[in-house]
């Protein structure tokens, strides 16, 4: 069964149509807040600022665990850019697409975690550990994705990194109110759940 991040990474997303935008504007005009709330629950991304889309070659490399290709997209120096300002910051090498998102709001770290690619998760986390706290459109952090995938090495990496500098990641909940530990337990990922107990 494909997770939300995996389905999104494979291009199975639900883009907003022109009809949806027209309906959204009409409901704003007439102040129909109940319908606006329903639309917002259906697709949170329509209310968020547009972010740069992830490069397709980079996405495929992340899915396939192709470390060499992924390294080409990453900056050589370790950075920590506030993700909300990332669109306004030009990388020295002109490589901004590594911070792009998929249709479901997944960053490179979400995808590496979801596909269980430990080396890629380690590489990306070393470049910018602040990505650990970024939630996708479903409210899931990379830690949620790793827990759902049962990637216990990645869960362990993220927990140790979070304890070092991003403590709130350990308590982050998705839109269903579940922490990453809840997700691991719900999916029957015993090894991943045990890592939380350390």
N, C-alpha and C. Protein backbone atom coordinates (compact mmCIF):
# COMPACT_ATOMS: atom_id res chain seq x y z
N UNK A 1 0.84 -1.18 0.00
CA UNK A 1 0.00 0.00 0.00
C UNK A 1 0.88 1.24 0.00
N UNK A 2 0.65 2.12 -0.94
CA UNK A 2 1.48 3.32 -1.07
C UNK A 2 1.07 4.34 -0.02
N UNK A 3 2.06 4.97 0.57
CA UNK A 3 1.76 6.02 1.53
C UNK A 3 1.45 7.30 0.77
N UNK A 4 1.01 8.30 1.50
CA UNK A 4 0.67 9.57 0.84
C UNK A 4 1.89 10.17 0.16
N UNK A 5 3.04 10.11 0.83
CA UNK A 5 4.25 10.68 0.23
C UNK A 5 4.65 9.91 -1.01
N UNK A 6 4.54 8.57 -0.95
CA UNK A 6 4.92 7.77 -2.10
C UNK A 6 3.96 8.02 -3.25
N UNK A 7 2.65 8.07 -2.98
CA UNK A 7 1.68 8.34 -4.04
C UNK A 7 1.95 9.71 -4.66
N UNK A 8 2.26 10.67 -3.79
CA UNK A 8 2.57 12.01 -4.28
C UNK A 8 3.85 11.99 -5.11
N UNK A 9 4.85 11.29 -4.63
CA UNK A 9 6.13 11.24 -5.34
C UNK A 9 5.99 10.57 -6.69
N UNK A 10 5.03 9.69 -6.81
CA UNK A 10 4.81 9.01 -8.08
C UNK A 10 3.92 9.84 -9.01
N UNK A 11 3.58 11.04 -8.59
CA UNK A 11 2.82 11.94 -9.46
C UNK A 11 1.32 11.79 -9.32
N UNK A 12 0.87 11.04 -8.32
CA UNK A 12 -0.57 10.87 -8.13
C UNK A 12 -1.01 11.94 -7.15
N UNK A 13 -1.33 13.08 -7.68
CA UNK A 13 -1.77 14.15 -6.80
C UNK A 13 -3.11 14.68 -7.30
N UNK A 14 -3.67 15.58 -6.54
CA UNK A 14 -4.98 16.10 -6.87
C UNK A 14 -4.85 17.61 -7.06
N UNK A 15 -4.39 18.05 -8.23
CA UNK A 15 -4.20 19.48 -8.43
C UNK A 15 -5.53 20.23 -8.43
N UNK A 16 -5.46 21.46 -8.05
CA UNK A 16 -6.65 22.30 -8.04
C UNK A 16 -6.96 22.71 -9.47
N UNK A 17 -8.19 22.56 -9.85
CA UNK A 17 -8.58 22.92 -11.21
C UNK A 17 -9.02 24.38 -11.24
N UNK A 18 -9.16 24.91 -12.44
CA UNK A 18 -9.64 26.29 -12.59
C UNK A 18 -11.02 26.44 -11.97
N UNK A 19 -11.83 25.40 -12.09
CA UNK A 19 -13.16 25.42 -11.50
C UNK A 19 -13.07 25.62 -9.99
N UNK A 20 -12.11 24.93 -9.34
CA UNK A 20 -11.93 25.07 -7.91
C UNK A 20 -11.54 26.50 -7.54
N UNK A 21 -10.65 27.10 -8.32
CA UNK A 21 -10.24 28.48 -8.05
C UNK A 21 -11.41 29.43 -8.21
N UNK A 22 -12.22 29.23 -9.24
CA UNK A 22 -13.39 30.07 -9.45
C UNK A 22 -14.36 29.94 -8.28
N UNK A 23 -14.60 28.70 -7.85
CA UNK A 23 -15.50 28.47 -6.72
C UNK A 23 -14.93 29.11 -5.46
N UNK A 24 -13.64 29.00 -5.27
CA UNK A 24 -12.99 29.58 -4.11
C UNK A 24 -13.18 31.09 -4.08
N UNK A 25 -12.94 31.75 -5.19
CA UNK A 25 -13.11 33.20 -5.27
C UNK A 25 -14.56 33.60 -5.04
N UNK A 26 -15.49 32.85 -5.62
CA UNK A 26 -16.91 33.15 -5.45
C UNK A 26 -17.31 33.03 -3.97
N UNK A 27 -16.83 31.99 -3.29
CA UNK A 27 -17.19 31.80 -1.89
C UNK A 27 -16.55 32.87 -1.00
N UNK A 28 -15.35 33.31 -1.36
CA UNK A 28 -14.73 34.41 -0.61
C UNK A 28 -15.55 35.68 -0.76
N UNK A 29 -16.00 35.94 -1.99
CA UNK A 29 -16.78 37.14 -2.28
C UNK A 29 -18.06 37.17 -1.46
N UNK A 30 -18.73 36.03 -1.36
CA UNK A 30 -20.01 35.98 -0.64
C UNK A 30 -19.84 35.55 0.81
N UNK A 31 -18.60 35.46 1.25
CA UNK A 31 -18.27 35.13 2.64
C UNK A 31 -18.92 33.84 3.11
N UNK A 32 -18.90 32.82 2.26
CA UNK A 32 -19.41 31.51 2.64
C UNK A 32 -18.28 30.75 3.32
N UNK A 33 -18.11 31.01 4.61
CA UNK A 33 -16.96 30.47 5.33
C UNK A 33 -17.05 28.96 5.55
N UNK A 34 -18.26 28.42 5.67
CA UNK A 34 -18.37 26.97 5.85
C UNK A 34 -17.84 26.23 4.63
N UNK A 35 -18.17 26.69 3.44
CA UNK A 35 -17.67 26.04 2.23
C UNK A 35 -16.17 26.27 2.09
N UNK A 36 -15.71 27.47 2.45
CA UNK A 36 -14.28 27.74 2.40
C UNK A 36 -13.51 26.78 3.31
N UNK A 37 -14.05 26.53 4.50
CA UNK A 37 -13.40 25.58 5.42
C UNK A 37 -13.38 24.18 4.82
N UNK A 38 -14.47 23.78 4.19
CA UNK A 38 -14.52 22.45 3.56
C UNK A 38 -13.51 22.34 2.43
N UNK A 39 -13.41 23.39 1.62
CA UNK A 39 -12.42 23.39 0.54
C UNK A 39 -11.01 23.35 1.10
N UNK A 40 -10.79 24.07 2.17
CA UNK A 40 -9.47 24.09 2.78
C UNK A 40 -9.10 22.72 3.32
N UNK A 41 -10.05 22.04 3.96
CA UNK A 41 -9.78 20.68 4.46
C UNK A 41 -9.48 19.74 3.31
N UNK A 42 -10.17 19.92 2.18
CA UNK A 42 -9.98 19.03 1.03
C UNK A 42 -8.61 19.20 0.42
N UNK A 43 -8.15 20.43 0.30
CA UNK A 43 -6.86 20.65 -0.32
C UNK A 43 -6.20 21.87 0.30
N UNK A 44 -5.41 21.64 1.33
CA UNK A 44 -4.74 22.70 2.06
C UNK A 44 -3.82 23.52 1.17
N UNK A 45 -3.27 22.91 0.12
CA UNK A 45 -2.26 23.59 -0.69
C UNK A 45 -2.81 24.81 -1.41
N UNK A 46 -4.12 24.91 -1.61
CA UNK A 46 -4.64 26.08 -2.32
C UNK A 46 -4.55 27.34 -1.48
N UNK A 47 -4.36 27.21 -0.17
CA UNK A 47 -4.29 28.37 0.70
C UNK A 47 -2.85 28.71 1.07
N UNK A 48 -1.91 27.91 0.61
CA UNK A 48 -0.51 28.13 0.93
C UNK A 48 0.19 28.80 -0.24
N UNK A 49 1.24 29.56 0.04
CA UNK A 49 1.96 30.20 -1.06
C UNK A 49 2.57 29.15 -1.98
N UNK A 50 2.62 29.47 -3.26
CA UNK A 50 3.18 28.54 -4.23
C UNK A 50 4.68 28.42 -4.02
N UNK A 51 5.15 27.19 -4.03
CA UNK A 51 6.57 26.90 -3.87
C UNK A 51 7.09 26.33 -5.17
N UNK A 52 8.36 26.41 -5.34
CA UNK A 52 8.99 25.85 -6.52
C UNK A 52 8.79 24.34 -6.56
N UNK A 53 8.42 23.83 -7.72
CA UNK A 53 8.23 22.39 -7.88
C UNK A 53 9.58 21.69 -7.92
N UNK A 54 9.59 20.46 -7.43
CA UNK A 54 10.80 19.67 -7.42
C UNK A 54 11.18 19.26 -8.83
N UNK A 55 12.46 19.30 -9.12
CA UNK A 55 12.98 18.87 -10.41
C UNK A 55 12.68 17.37 -10.58
N UNK A 56 12.19 17.00 -11.77
CA UNK A 56 11.78 15.62 -12.02
C UNK A 56 12.96 14.65 -11.92
N UNK A 57 14.11 15.03 -12.45
CA UNK A 57 15.30 14.15 -12.38
C UNK A 57 15.71 13.93 -10.92
N UNK A 58 15.62 14.99 -10.12
CA UNK A 58 15.94 14.89 -8.70
C UNK A 58 14.95 13.97 -7.99
N UNK A 59 13.67 14.12 -8.30
CA UNK A 59 12.64 13.27 -7.72
C UNK A 59 12.90 11.80 -8.01
N UNK A 60 13.18 11.48 -9.27
CA UNK A 60 13.45 10.09 -9.65
C UNK A 60 14.70 9.55 -8.96
N UNK A 61 15.72 10.39 -8.81
CA UNK A 61 16.95 9.96 -8.12
C UNK A 61 16.66 9.67 -6.65
N UNK A 62 15.82 10.49 -6.03
CA UNK A 62 15.44 10.26 -4.63
C UNK A 62 14.67 8.95 -4.49
N UNK A 63 13.73 8.72 -5.38
CA UNK A 63 12.93 7.50 -5.33
C UNK A 63 13.80 6.26 -5.53
N UNK A 64 14.75 6.35 -6.45
CA UNK A 64 15.59 5.20 -6.78
C UNK A 64 16.83 5.05 -5.93
N UNK A 65 17.08 6.00 -5.04
CA UNK A 65 18.26 5.92 -4.18
C UNK A 65 19.56 6.21 -4.90
N UNK A 66 19.51 6.99 -5.96
CA UNK A 66 20.68 7.32 -6.77
C UNK A 66 21.47 8.45 -6.11
N UNK A 67 22.42 8.08 -5.26
CA UNK A 67 23.18 9.05 -4.47
C UNK A 67 23.97 10.02 -5.35
N UNK A 68 24.57 9.53 -6.40
CA UNK A 68 25.40 10.38 -7.26
C UNK A 68 24.57 11.51 -7.88
N UNK A 69 23.39 11.17 -8.40
CA UNK A 69 22.53 12.20 -9.00
C UNK A 69 22.03 13.17 -7.94
N UNK A 70 21.64 12.65 -6.79
CA UNK A 70 21.16 13.51 -5.71
C UNK A 70 22.26 14.50 -5.30
N UNK A 71 23.49 14.03 -5.19
CA UNK A 71 24.60 14.91 -4.81
C UNK A 71 24.81 16.05 -5.80
N UNK A 72 24.52 15.81 -7.07
CA UNK A 72 24.65 16.88 -8.07
C UNK A 72 23.71 18.04 -7.78
N UNK A 73 22.56 17.76 -7.20
CA UNK A 73 21.57 18.80 -6.93
C UNK A 73 21.83 19.53 -5.62
N UNK A 74 22.56 18.92 -4.71
CA UNK A 74 22.78 19.51 -3.40
C UNK A 74 23.93 20.49 -3.42
N UNK A 75 23.82 21.57 -2.63
CA UNK A 75 24.95 22.50 -2.52
C UNK A 75 26.10 21.81 -1.80
N UNK A 76 27.30 22.24 -2.05
CA UNK A 76 28.47 21.61 -1.44
C UNK A 76 28.64 21.99 0.03
N UNK A 77 28.23 23.18 0.40
CA UNK A 77 28.38 23.61 1.78
C UNK A 77 27.13 23.25 2.57
N UNK A 78 27.30 23.09 3.88
CA UNK A 78 26.18 22.81 4.76
C UNK A 78 25.45 24.11 5.01
N UNK A 79 24.11 24.09 4.87
CA UNK A 79 23.33 25.30 5.04
C UNK A 79 22.18 25.06 5.99
N UNK A 80 21.66 26.14 6.52
CA UNK A 80 20.45 26.09 7.33
C UNK A 80 19.65 27.34 6.98
N UNK A 81 18.81 27.23 5.98
CA UNK A 81 18.01 28.35 5.51
C UNK A 81 16.60 28.17 6.05
N UNK A 82 16.04 29.24 6.58
CA UNK A 82 14.65 29.18 7.02
C UNK A 82 13.80 28.83 5.82
N UNK A 83 13.07 27.72 5.90
CA UNK A 83 12.35 27.19 4.75
C UNK A 83 11.32 28.17 4.21
N UNK A 84 10.77 29.04 5.05
CA UNK A 84 9.79 30.01 4.56
C UNK A 84 10.44 31.05 3.68
N UNK A 85 11.75 31.28 3.87
CA UNK A 85 12.47 32.25 3.06
C UNK A 85 13.30 31.61 1.96
N UNK A 86 13.22 30.30 1.83
CA UNK A 86 14.09 29.58 0.89
C UNK A 86 13.88 30.04 -0.55
N UNK A 87 12.66 30.44 -0.90
CA UNK A 87 12.41 30.87 -2.27
C UNK A 87 13.09 32.19 -2.60
N UNK A 88 13.42 32.97 -1.58
CA UNK A 88 14.04 34.27 -1.80
C UNK A 88 15.57 34.21 -1.75
N UNK A 89 16.12 33.05 -1.46
CA UNK A 89 17.56 32.90 -1.32
C UNK A 89 18.10 32.12 -2.50
N UNK A 90 19.02 32.71 -3.22
CA UNK A 90 19.62 32.01 -4.37
C UNK A 90 20.85 31.26 -3.90
N UNK A 91 20.90 29.96 -4.15
CA UNK A 91 22.11 29.20 -3.85
C UNK A 91 23.23 29.71 -4.72
N UNK A 92 24.43 29.69 -4.20
CA UNK A 92 25.58 30.18 -4.95
C UNK A 92 25.76 29.41 -6.25
N UNK A 93 25.48 28.14 -6.24
CA UNK A 93 25.65 27.32 -7.44
C UNK A 93 24.42 27.35 -8.33
N UNK A 94 23.42 28.13 -7.95
CA UNK A 94 22.20 28.21 -8.75
C UNK A 94 21.34 26.98 -8.63
N UNK A 95 21.50 26.25 -7.54
CA UNK A 95 20.76 25.00 -7.35
C UNK A 95 19.67 25.19 -6.31
N UNK A 96 18.53 25.67 -6.72
CA UNK A 96 17.43 25.83 -5.78
C UNK A 96 16.45 24.68 -5.88
N UNK A 97 16.48 23.94 -6.96
CA UNK A 97 15.45 22.92 -7.16
C UNK A 97 15.52 21.79 -6.14
N UNK A 98 16.63 21.64 -5.43
CA UNK A 98 16.68 20.59 -4.41
C UNK A 98 15.75 20.92 -3.24
N UNK A 99 15.36 22.17 -3.12
CA UNK A 99 14.40 22.57 -2.09
C UNK A 99 12.96 22.60 -2.61
N UNK A 100 12.78 22.18 -3.84
CA UNK A 100 11.44 22.16 -4.42
C UNK A 100 10.55 21.13 -3.75
N UNK A 101 9.27 21.24 -4.00
CA UNK A 101 8.30 20.32 -3.40
C UNK A 101 7.53 19.58 -4.48
N UNK A 102 6.98 18.44 -4.10
CA UNK A 102 6.11 17.68 -4.98
C UNK A 102 4.69 18.24 -4.85
N UNK A 103 3.76 17.69 -5.59
CA UNK A 103 2.38 18.13 -5.53
C UNK A 103 1.77 18.05 -4.14
N UNK A 104 2.23 17.11 -3.34
CA UNK A 104 1.72 16.94 -1.98
C UNK A 104 2.55 17.64 -0.93
N UNK A 105 3.45 18.52 -1.37
CA UNK A 105 4.24 19.30 -0.43
C UNK A 105 5.43 18.56 0.16
N UNK A 106 5.83 17.44 -0.44
CA UNK A 106 6.97 16.69 0.08
C UNK A 106 8.28 17.29 -0.39
N UNK A 107 9.20 17.41 0.55
CA UNK A 107 10.57 17.82 0.25
C UNK A 107 11.42 16.58 0.02
N UNK A 108 12.66 16.79 -0.35
CA UNK A 108 13.58 15.67 -0.61
C UNK A 108 13.69 14.75 0.60
N UNK A 109 13.68 15.31 1.80
CA UNK A 109 13.82 14.50 3.01
C UNK A 109 12.61 13.60 3.24
N UNK A 110 11.41 14.09 2.91
CA UNK A 110 10.21 13.26 3.00
C UNK A 110 10.34 12.04 2.08
N UNK A 111 10.78 12.29 0.86
CA UNK A 111 10.85 11.21 -0.14
C UNK A 111 11.92 10.20 0.22
N UNK A 112 13.10 10.67 0.61
CA UNK A 112 14.17 9.75 1.01
C UNK A 112 13.71 8.89 2.18
N UNK A 113 13.00 9.49 3.14
CA UNK A 113 12.50 8.74 4.29
C UNK A 113 11.43 7.74 3.87
N UNK A 114 10.52 8.17 3.03
CA UNK A 114 9.42 7.30 2.62
C UNK A 114 9.90 6.09 1.83
N UNK A 115 10.95 6.28 1.04
CA UNK A 115 11.48 5.17 0.25
C UNK A 115 12.58 4.41 1.00
N UNK A 116 12.89 4.83 2.23
CA UNK A 116 13.84 4.10 3.07
C UNK A 116 15.29 4.21 2.64
N UNK A 117 15.67 5.31 2.02
CA UNK A 117 17.06 5.49 1.56
C UNK A 117 17.86 6.22 2.64
N UNK A 118 18.49 5.42 3.51
CA UNK A 118 19.22 5.96 4.66
C UNK A 118 20.34 6.91 4.25
N UNK A 119 21.16 6.51 3.28
CA UNK A 119 22.29 7.36 2.86
C UNK A 119 21.81 8.72 2.34
N UNK A 120 20.71 8.71 1.60
CA UNK A 120 20.18 9.98 1.08
C UNK A 120 19.63 10.83 2.22
N UNK A 121 18.92 10.20 3.15
CA UNK A 121 18.38 10.94 4.29
C UNK A 121 19.52 11.57 5.09
N UNK A 122 20.58 10.82 5.28
CA UNK A 122 21.75 11.30 6.01
C UNK A 122 22.39 12.48 5.28
N UNK A 123 22.53 12.35 3.99
CA UNK A 123 23.13 13.39 3.15
C UNK A 123 22.32 14.68 3.19
N UNK A 124 21.01 14.57 3.02
CA UNK A 124 20.13 15.74 3.00
C UNK A 124 20.07 16.39 4.37
N UNK A 125 19.96 15.56 5.40
CA UNK A 125 19.89 16.06 6.78
C UNK A 125 21.18 16.81 7.14
N UNK A 126 22.32 16.32 6.64
CA UNK A 126 23.60 16.98 6.90
C UNK A 126 23.65 18.35 6.22
N UNK A 127 22.98 18.50 5.09
CA UNK A 127 22.97 19.78 4.38
C UNK A 127 22.07 20.79 5.07
N UNK A 128 20.93 20.32 5.58
CA UNK A 128 20.00 21.26 6.22
C UNK A 128 19.06 20.49 7.15
N UNK A 129 19.42 20.43 8.42
CA UNK A 129 18.62 19.68 9.39
C UNK A 129 17.29 20.36 9.69
N UNK A 130 17.14 21.63 9.35
CA UNK A 130 15.86 22.31 9.61
C UNK A 130 14.73 21.71 8.77
N UNK A 131 15.06 20.95 7.73
CA UNK A 131 14.03 20.31 6.92
C UNK A 131 13.26 19.26 7.72
N UNK A 132 13.82 18.81 8.84
CA UNK A 132 13.14 17.83 9.68
C UNK A 132 11.80 18.35 10.21
N UNK A 133 11.70 19.65 10.39
CA UNK A 133 10.47 20.20 10.99
C UNK A 133 9.42 20.61 9.96
N UNK A 134 9.72 20.44 8.67
CA UNK A 134 8.79 20.86 7.63
C UNK A 134 7.74 19.77 7.40
N UNK A 135 6.49 20.18 7.43
CA UNK A 135 5.38 19.25 7.19
C UNK A 135 4.94 19.34 5.73
N UNK A 136 4.48 18.22 5.20
CA UNK A 136 3.94 18.21 3.84
C UNK A 136 2.47 18.61 3.89
N UNK A 137 1.75 18.48 2.79
CA UNK A 137 0.34 18.89 2.74
C UNK A 137 -0.54 18.08 3.68
N UNK A 138 -0.11 16.86 4.02
CA UNK A 138 -0.87 16.02 4.95
C UNK A 138 -0.45 16.26 6.40
N UNK A 139 0.44 17.22 6.61
CA UNK A 139 0.89 17.54 7.96
C UNK A 139 1.96 16.60 8.48
N UNK A 140 2.53 15.78 7.63
CA UNK A 140 3.53 14.80 8.05
C UNK A 140 4.95 15.36 7.88
N UNK A 141 5.75 15.15 8.91
CA UNK A 141 7.17 15.51 8.84
C UNK A 141 7.93 14.34 8.23
N UNK A 142 9.19 14.53 7.87
CA UNK A 142 9.98 13.39 7.39
C UNK A 142 10.03 12.25 8.41
N UNK A 143 9.98 12.58 9.69
CA UNK A 143 9.97 11.54 10.73
C UNK A 143 8.71 10.68 10.62
N UNK A 144 7.56 11.30 10.36
CA UNK A 144 6.33 10.53 10.13
C UNK A 144 6.50 9.57 8.96
N UNK A 145 7.09 10.08 7.86
CA UNK A 145 7.28 9.25 6.66
C UNK A 145 8.19 8.07 6.94
N UNK A 146 9.28 8.30 7.66
CA UNK A 146 10.21 7.22 7.99
C UNK A 146 9.55 6.19 8.89
N UNK A 147 8.76 6.67 9.86
CA UNK A 147 8.07 5.74 10.77
C UNK A 147 7.06 4.90 10.01
N UNK A 148 6.29 5.51 9.13
CA UNK A 148 5.29 4.77 8.35
C UNK A 148 5.96 3.74 7.45
N UNK A 149 7.12 4.08 6.90
CA UNK A 149 7.84 3.17 6.00
C UNK A 149 8.57 2.07 6.77
N UNK A 150 8.67 2.22 8.09
CA UNK A 150 9.39 1.23 8.88
C UNK A 150 10.89 1.32 8.70
N UNK A 151 11.37 2.49 8.34
CA UNK A 151 12.80 2.71 8.11
C UNK A 151 13.46 3.07 9.44
N UNK A 152 13.74 2.04 10.26
CA UNK A 152 14.21 2.28 11.62
C UNK A 152 15.55 3.00 11.69
N UNK A 153 16.44 2.78 10.73
CA UNK A 153 17.72 3.51 10.71
C UNK A 153 17.48 5.01 10.50
N UNK A 154 16.55 5.31 9.61
CA UNK A 154 16.25 6.72 9.33
C UNK A 154 15.54 7.34 10.52
N UNK A 155 14.63 6.60 11.13
CA UNK A 155 13.95 7.09 12.34
C UNK A 155 14.99 7.42 13.40
N UNK A 156 15.94 6.53 13.59
CA UNK A 156 17.00 6.75 14.58
C UNK A 156 17.84 7.99 14.24
N UNK A 157 18.19 8.13 12.97
CA UNK A 157 18.94 9.31 12.52
C UNK A 157 18.16 10.59 12.81
N UNK A 158 16.88 10.62 12.44
CA UNK A 158 16.06 11.81 12.63
C UNK A 158 15.88 12.12 14.12
N UNK A 159 15.70 11.10 14.93
CA UNK A 159 15.52 11.33 16.37
C UNK A 159 16.79 11.92 16.97
N UNK A 160 17.94 11.35 16.64
CA UNK A 160 19.19 11.90 17.20
C UNK A 160 19.44 13.32 16.71
N UNK A 161 19.13 13.59 15.45
CA UNK A 161 19.29 14.94 14.91
C UNK A 161 18.29 15.90 15.57
N UNK A 162 17.07 15.44 15.78
CA UNK A 162 16.04 16.28 16.41
C UNK A 162 16.41 16.59 17.85
N UNK A 163 16.93 15.61 18.55
CA UNK A 163 17.34 15.85 19.94
C UNK A 163 18.48 16.86 20.01
N UNK A 164 19.28 16.89 18.96
CA UNK A 164 20.42 17.81 18.91
C UNK A 164 19.98 19.24 18.62
N UNK A 165 19.02 19.42 17.70
CA UNK A 165 18.71 20.81 17.31
C UNK A 165 17.26 21.08 16.92
N UNK A 166 16.43 20.08 16.75
CA UNK A 166 15.04 20.30 16.31
C UNK A 166 14.07 19.53 17.20
N UNK A 167 14.12 19.76 18.49
CA UNK A 167 13.38 18.97 19.48
C UNK A 167 11.87 18.87 19.19
N UNK A 168 11.26 19.94 18.68
CA UNK A 168 9.81 19.93 18.45
C UNK A 168 9.38 18.89 17.42
N UNK A 169 10.30 18.42 16.60
CA UNK A 169 9.99 17.40 15.59
C UNK A 169 9.47 16.13 16.26
N UNK A 170 9.98 15.80 17.43
CA UNK A 170 9.59 14.57 18.11
C UNK A 170 8.14 14.60 18.58
N UNK A 171 7.61 15.79 18.80
CA UNK A 171 6.22 15.92 19.26
C UNK A 171 5.26 16.34 18.16
N UNK A 172 5.76 16.54 16.95
CA UNK A 172 4.93 17.02 15.84
C UNK A 172 3.83 16.01 15.51
N UNK A 173 2.64 16.55 15.23
CA UNK A 173 1.52 15.70 14.85
C UNK A 173 1.10 16.03 13.43
N UNK A 174 0.54 15.03 12.76
CA UNK A 174 0.03 15.25 11.40
C UNK A 174 -1.40 15.76 11.50
N UNK A 175 -2.09 15.85 10.39
CA UNK A 175 -3.46 16.39 10.38
C UNK A 175 -4.44 15.52 11.14
N UNK A 176 -4.08 14.25 11.33
CA UNK A 176 -4.94 13.34 12.09
C UNK A 176 -4.59 13.35 13.57
N UNK A 177 -3.64 14.19 13.96
CA UNK A 177 -3.25 14.31 15.36
C UNK A 177 -2.29 13.22 15.82
N UNK A 178 -1.65 12.54 14.91
CA UNK A 178 -0.76 11.43 15.25
C UNK A 178 0.70 11.87 15.22
N UNK A 179 1.44 11.43 16.24
CA UNK A 179 2.89 11.64 16.22
C UNK A 179 3.50 10.54 15.36
N UNK A 180 4.78 10.67 15.08
CA UNK A 180 5.47 9.64 14.29
C UNK A 180 5.46 8.29 15.01
N UNK A 181 5.54 8.30 16.34
CA UNK A 181 5.47 7.05 17.10
C UNK A 181 4.11 6.39 16.89
N UNK A 182 3.04 7.16 16.92
CA UNK A 182 1.70 6.61 16.67
C UNK A 182 1.63 5.99 15.28
N UNK A 183 2.21 6.67 14.30
CA UNK A 183 2.19 6.17 12.92
C UNK A 183 2.93 4.85 12.83
N UNK A 184 4.11 4.77 13.46
CA UNK A 184 4.89 3.52 13.43
C UNK A 184 4.11 2.38 14.07
N UNK A 185 3.48 2.65 15.21
CA UNK A 185 2.71 1.62 15.90
C UNK A 185 1.50 1.20 15.07
N UNK A 186 0.82 2.16 14.50
CA UNK A 186 -0.37 1.88 13.69
C UNK A 186 -0.04 1.02 12.47
N UNK A 187 1.14 1.24 11.89
CA UNK A 187 1.56 0.48 10.71
C UNK A 187 2.21 -0.84 11.09
N UNK A 188 2.35 -1.12 12.38
CA UNK A 188 2.97 -2.36 12.82
C UNK A 188 4.48 -2.37 12.61
N UNK A 189 5.09 -1.21 12.59
CA UNK A 189 6.54 -1.08 12.39
C UNK A 189 7.23 -1.14 13.75
N UNK A 190 7.37 -2.35 14.28
CA UNK A 190 7.89 -2.56 15.63
C UNK A 190 9.31 -2.02 15.79
N UNK A 191 10.19 -2.34 14.84
CA UNK A 191 11.59 -1.88 14.94
C UNK A 191 11.66 -0.36 14.97
N UNK A 192 10.88 0.29 14.12
CA UNK A 192 10.88 1.75 14.09
C UNK A 192 10.31 2.32 15.39
N UNK A 193 9.26 1.71 15.92
CA UNK A 193 8.65 2.17 17.16
C UNK A 193 9.61 2.02 18.34
N UNK A 194 10.40 0.95 18.34
CA UNK A 194 11.36 0.74 19.43
C UNK A 194 12.43 1.83 19.46
N UNK A 195 12.76 2.38 18.32
CA UNK A 195 13.78 3.43 18.26
C UNK A 195 13.33 4.65 19.06
N UNK A 196 12.04 4.92 19.10
CA UNK A 196 11.52 6.06 19.86
C UNK A 196 11.73 5.88 21.35
N UNK A 197 11.82 4.64 21.79
CA UNK A 197 11.93 4.33 23.21
C UNK A 197 13.34 4.55 23.76
N UNK A 198 14.30 4.74 22.87
CA UNK A 198 15.70 4.87 23.29
C UNK A 198 15.93 6.19 23.98
